[in-house]
Amino acid sequence: MRLQGLYSELLELLSRNEELHLAKDKSPPFMVQQFKCELLK
């Protein structure tokens, strides 16, 4: 289940990155949203 750990690490980085984007221009990057949706399927 090493891959699962990598995924959660990646998601954590993405959400942190998303927060930075939101702070800057208030619009969440579409790719991040799409990626999260793919992972949650």
PDB file of N, CA and C in Angstrom:
ATOM      1  N   MET A   1       0.824  -1.217   0.000  1.00  0.00           N
ATOM      2  CA  MET A   1       0.000   0.000   0.000  1.00  0.00           C
ATOM      3  C   MET A   1       0.856   1.265   0.000  1.00  0.00           C
ATOM      4  N   ARG A   2       2.074   1.142  -0.532  1.00  0.00           N
ATOM      5  CA  ARG A   2       2.963   2.300  -0.582  1.00  0.00           C
ATOM      6  C   ARG A   2       2.369   3.399  -1.457  1.00  0.00           C
ATOM      7  N   LEU A   3       1.697   2.981  -2.521  1.00  0.00           N
ATOM      8  CA  LEU A   3       1.102   3.927  -3.460  1.00  0.00           C
ATOM      9  C   LEU A   3       0.063   4.801  -2.762  1.00  0.00           C
ATOM     10  N   GLN A   4      -0.718   4.195  -1.878  1.00  0.00           N
ATOM     11  CA  GLN A   4      -1.738   4.942  -1.140  1.00  0.00           C
ATOM     12  C   GLN A   4      -1.099   6.055  -0.323  1.00  0.00           C
ATOM     13  N   GLY A   5       0.045   5.753   0.290  1.00  0.00           N
ATOM     14  CA  GLY A   5       0.762   6.755   1.069  1.00  0.00           C
ATOM     15  C   GLY A   5       1.238   7.901   0.193  1.00  0.00           C
ATOM     16  N   LEU A   6       1.732   7.559  -0.986  1.00  0.00           N
ATOM     17  CA  LEU A   6       2.183   8.584  -1.923  1.00  0.00           C
ATOM     18  C   LEU A   6       1.017   9.456  -2.366  1.00  0.00           C
ATOM     19  N   TYR A   7      -0.120   8.822  -2.600  1.00  0.00           N
ATOM     20  CA  TYR A   7      -1.315   9.570  -3.010  1.00  0.00           C
ATOM     21  C   TYR A   7      -1.747  10.571  -1.953  1.00  0.00           C
ATOM     22  N   SER A   8      -1.775  10.122  -0.692  1.00  0.00           N
ATOM     23  CA  SER A   8      -2.225  11.033   0.365  1.00  0.00           C
ATOM     24  C   SER A   8      -1.228  12.166   0.557  1.00  0.00           C
ATOM     25  N   GLU A   9       0.064  11.852   0.392  1.00  0.00           N
ATOM     26  CA  GLU A   9       1.087  12.892   0.485  1.00  0.00           C
ATOM     27  C   GLU A   9       0.884  13.918  -0.630  1.00  0.00           C
ATOM     28  N   LEU A  10       0.628  13.411  -1.821  1.00  0.00           N
ATOM     29  CA  LEU A  10       0.415  14.271  -2.982  1.00  0.00           C
ATOM     30  C   LEU A  10      -0.823  15.140  -2.794  1.00  0.00           C
ATOM     31  N   LEU A  11      -1.887  14.538  -2.283  1.00  0.00           N
ATOM     32  CA  LEU A  11      -3.118  15.290  -2.030  1.00  0.00           C
ATOM     33  C   LEU A  11      -2.889  16.392  -1.009  1.00  0.00           C
ATOM     34  N   GLU A  12      -2.078  16.083   0.000  1.00  0.00           N
ATOM     35  CA  GLU A  12      -1.798  17.083   1.023  1.00  0.00           C
ATOM     36  C   GLU A  12      -1.059  18.266   0.409  1.00  0.00           C
ATOM     37  N   LEU A  13      -0.076  17.967  -0.430  1.00  0.00           N
ATOM     38  CA  LEU A  13       0.661  19.025  -1.118  1.00  0.00           C
ATOM     39  C   LEU A  13      -0.262  19.829  -2.023  1.00  0.00           C
ATOM     40  N   LEU A  14      -1.134  19.126  -2.727  1.00  0.00           N
ATOM     41  CA  LEU A  14      -2.066  19.802  -3.632  1.00  0.00           C
ATOM     42  C   LEU A  14      -3.005  20.730  -2.884  1.00  0.00           C
ATOM     43  N   SER A  15      -3.516  20.267  -1.755  1.00  0.00           N
ATOM     44  CA  SER A  15      -4.453  21.112  -1.013  1.00  0.00           C
ATOM     45  C   SER A  15      -3.740  22.321  -0.419  1.00  0.00           C
ATOM     46  N   ARG A  16      -2.468  22.129  -0.022  1.00  0.00           N
ATOM     47  CA  ARG A  16      -1.695  23.268   0.478  1.00  0.00           C
ATOM     48  C   ARG A  16      -1.444  24.259  -0.652  1.00  0.00           C
ATOM     49  N   ASN A  17      -1.116  23.720  -1.816  1.00  0.00           N
ATOM     50  CA  ASN A  17      -0.889  24.542  -2.999  1.00  0.00           C
ATOM     51  C   ASN A  17      -2.165  25.284  -3.381  1.00  0.00           C
ATOM     52  N   GLU A  18      -3.285  24.584  -3.249  1.00  0.00           N
ATOM     53  CA  GLU A  18      -4.589  25.160  -3.569  1.00  0.00           C
ATOM     54  C   GLU A  18      -4.887  26.339  -2.642  1.00  0.00           C
ATOM     55  N   GLU A  19      -4.554  26.185  -1.372  1.00  0.00           N
ATOM     56  CA  GLU A  19      -4.766  27.273  -0.415  1.00  0.00           C
ATOM     57  C   GLU A  19      -3.977  28.512  -0.819  1.00  0.00           C
ATOM     58  N   LEU A  20      -2.757  28.297  -1.293  1.00  0.00           N
ATOM     59  CA  LEU A  20      -1.938  29.417  -1.754  1.00  0.00           C
ATOM     60  C   LEU A  20      -2.598  30.101  -2.945  1.00  0.00           C
ATOM     61  N   HIS A  21      -3.102  29.288  -3.865  1.00  0.00           N
ATOM     62  CA  HIS A  21      -3.788  29.838  -5.037  1.00  0.00           C
ATOM     63  C   HIS A  21      -5.022  30.629  -4.620  1.00  0.00           C
ATOM     64  N   LEU A  22      -5.776  30.064  -3.686  1.00  0.00           N
ATOM     65  CA  LEU A  22      -6.992  30.728  -3.217  1.00  0.00           C
ATOM     66  C   LEU A  22      -6.656  32.058  -2.566  1.00  0.00           C
ATOM     67  N   ALA A  23      -5.578  32.081  -1.835  1.00  0.00           N
ATOM     68  CA  ALA A  23      -5.158  33.317  -1.178  1.00  0.00           C
ATOM     69  C   ALA A  23      -4.771  34.364  -2.225  1.00  0.00           C
ATOM     70  N   LYS A  24      -4.188  33.870  -3.321  1.00  0.00           N
ATOM     71  CA  LYS A  24      -3.731  34.801  -4.355  1.00  0.00           C
ATOM     72  C   LYS A  24      -4.875  35.341  -5.207  1.00  0.00           C
ATOM     73  N   ASP A  25      -5.661  34.434  -5.798  1.00  0.00           N
ATOM     74  CA  ASP A  25      -6.650  34.936  -6.764  1.00  0.00           C
ATOM     75  C   ASP A  25      -8.066  34.389  -6.579  1.00  0.00           C
ATOM     76  N   LYS A  26      -8.306  33.680  -5.493  1.00  0.00           N
ATOM     77  CA  LYS A  26      -9.658  33.228  -5.131  1.00  0.00           C
ATOM     78  C   LYS A  26     -10.298  32.227  -6.097  1.00  0.00           C
ATOM     79  N   SER A  27      -9.520  31.687  -7.034  1.00  0.00           N
ATOM     80  CA  SER A  27     -10.109  30.668  -7.901  1.00  0.00           C
ATOM     81  C   SER A  27      -9.275  29.390  -7.833  1.00  0.00           C
ATOM     82  N   PRO A  28      -9.857  28.306  -7.324  1.00  0.00           N
ATOM     83  CA  PRO A  28      -9.116  27.050  -7.210  1.00  0.00           C
ATOM     84  C   PRO A  28      -8.743  26.504  -8.582  1.00  0.00           C
ATOM     85  N   PRO A  29      -7.534  26.028  -8.741  1.00  0.00           N
ATOM     86  CA  PRO A  29      -7.103  25.474 -10.031  1.00  0.00           C
ATOM     87  C   PRO A  29      -7.966  24.272 -10.416  1.00  0.00           C
ATOM     88  N   PHE A  30      -8.457  24.303 -11.629  1.00  0.00           N
ATOM     89  CA  PHE A  30      -9.349  23.253 -12.111  1.00  0.00           C
ATOM     90  C   PHE A  30      -8.691  21.875 -12.068  1.00  0.00           C
ATOM     91  N   MET A  31      -7.430  21.809 -12.457  1.00  0.00           N
ATOM     92  CA  MET A  31      -6.733  20.530 -12.500  1.00  0.00           C
ATOM     93  C   MET A  31      -6.685  19.868 -11.127  1.00  0.00           C
ATOM     94  N   VAL A  32      -6.508  20.659 -10.094  1.00  0.00           N
ATOM     95  CA  VAL A  32      -6.465  20.110  -8.740  1.00  0.00           C
ATOM     96  C   VAL A  32      -7.812  19.489  -8.385  1.00  0.00           C
ATOM     97  N   GLN A  33      -8.878  20.202  -8.694  1.00  0.00           N
ATOM     98  CA  GLN A  33     -10.222  19.689  -8.425  1.00  0.00           C
ATOM     99  C   GLN A  33     -10.458  18.380  -9.180  1.00  0.00           C
ATOM    100  N   GLN A  34     -10.069  18.373 -10.437  1.00  0.00           N
ATOM    101  CA  GLN A  34     -10.267  17.200 -11.274  1.00  0.00           C
ATOM    102  C   GLN A  34      -9.470  16.015 -10.731  1.00  0.00           C
ATOM    103  N   PHE A  35      -8.235  16.274 -10.321  1.00  0.00           N
ATOM    104  CA  PHE A  35      -7.375  15.229  -9.782  1.00  0.00           C
ATOM    105  C   PHE A  35      -7.987  14.626  -8.521  1.00  0.00           C
ATOM    106  N   LYS A  36      -8.489  15.480  -7.649  1.00  0.00           N
ATOM    107  CA  LYS A  36      -9.119  15.003  -6.420  1.00  0.00           C
ATOM    108  C   LYS A  36     -10.322  14.127  -6.743  1.00  0.00           C
ATOM    109  N   CYS A  37     -11.117  14.550  -7.706  1.00  0.00           N
ATOM    110  CA  CYS A  37     -12.294  13.777  -8.100  1.00  0.00           C
ATOM    111  C   CYS A  37     -11.884  12.406  -8.617  1.00  0.00           C
ATOM    112  N   GLU A  38     -10.836  12.352  -9.403  1.00  0.00           N
ATOM    113  CA  GLU A  38     -10.342  11.084  -9.942  1.00  0.00           C
ATOM    114  C   GLU A  38      -9.917  10.154  -8.812  1.00  0.00           C
ATOM    115  N   LEU A  39      -9.228  10.700  -7.816  1.00  0.00           N
ATOM    116  CA  LEU A  39      -8.743   9.888  -6.705  1.00  0.00           C
ATOM    117  C   LEU A  39      -9.883   9.365  -5.844  1.00  0.00           C
ATOM    118  N   LEU A  40     -10.930  10.152  -5.710  1.00  0.00           N
ATOM    119  CA  LEU A  40     -12.026   9.772  -4.819  1.00  0.00           C
ATOM    120  C   LEU A  40     -12.980   8.743  -5.421  1.00  0.00           C
ATOM    121  N   LYS A  41     -12.853   8.502  -6.716  1.00  0.00           N
ATOM    122  CA  LYS A  41     -13.732   7.518  -7.369  1.00  0.00           C
ATOM    123  C   LYS A  41     -13.554   6.123  -6.769  1.00  0.00           C
TER     124      LYS A  41
END
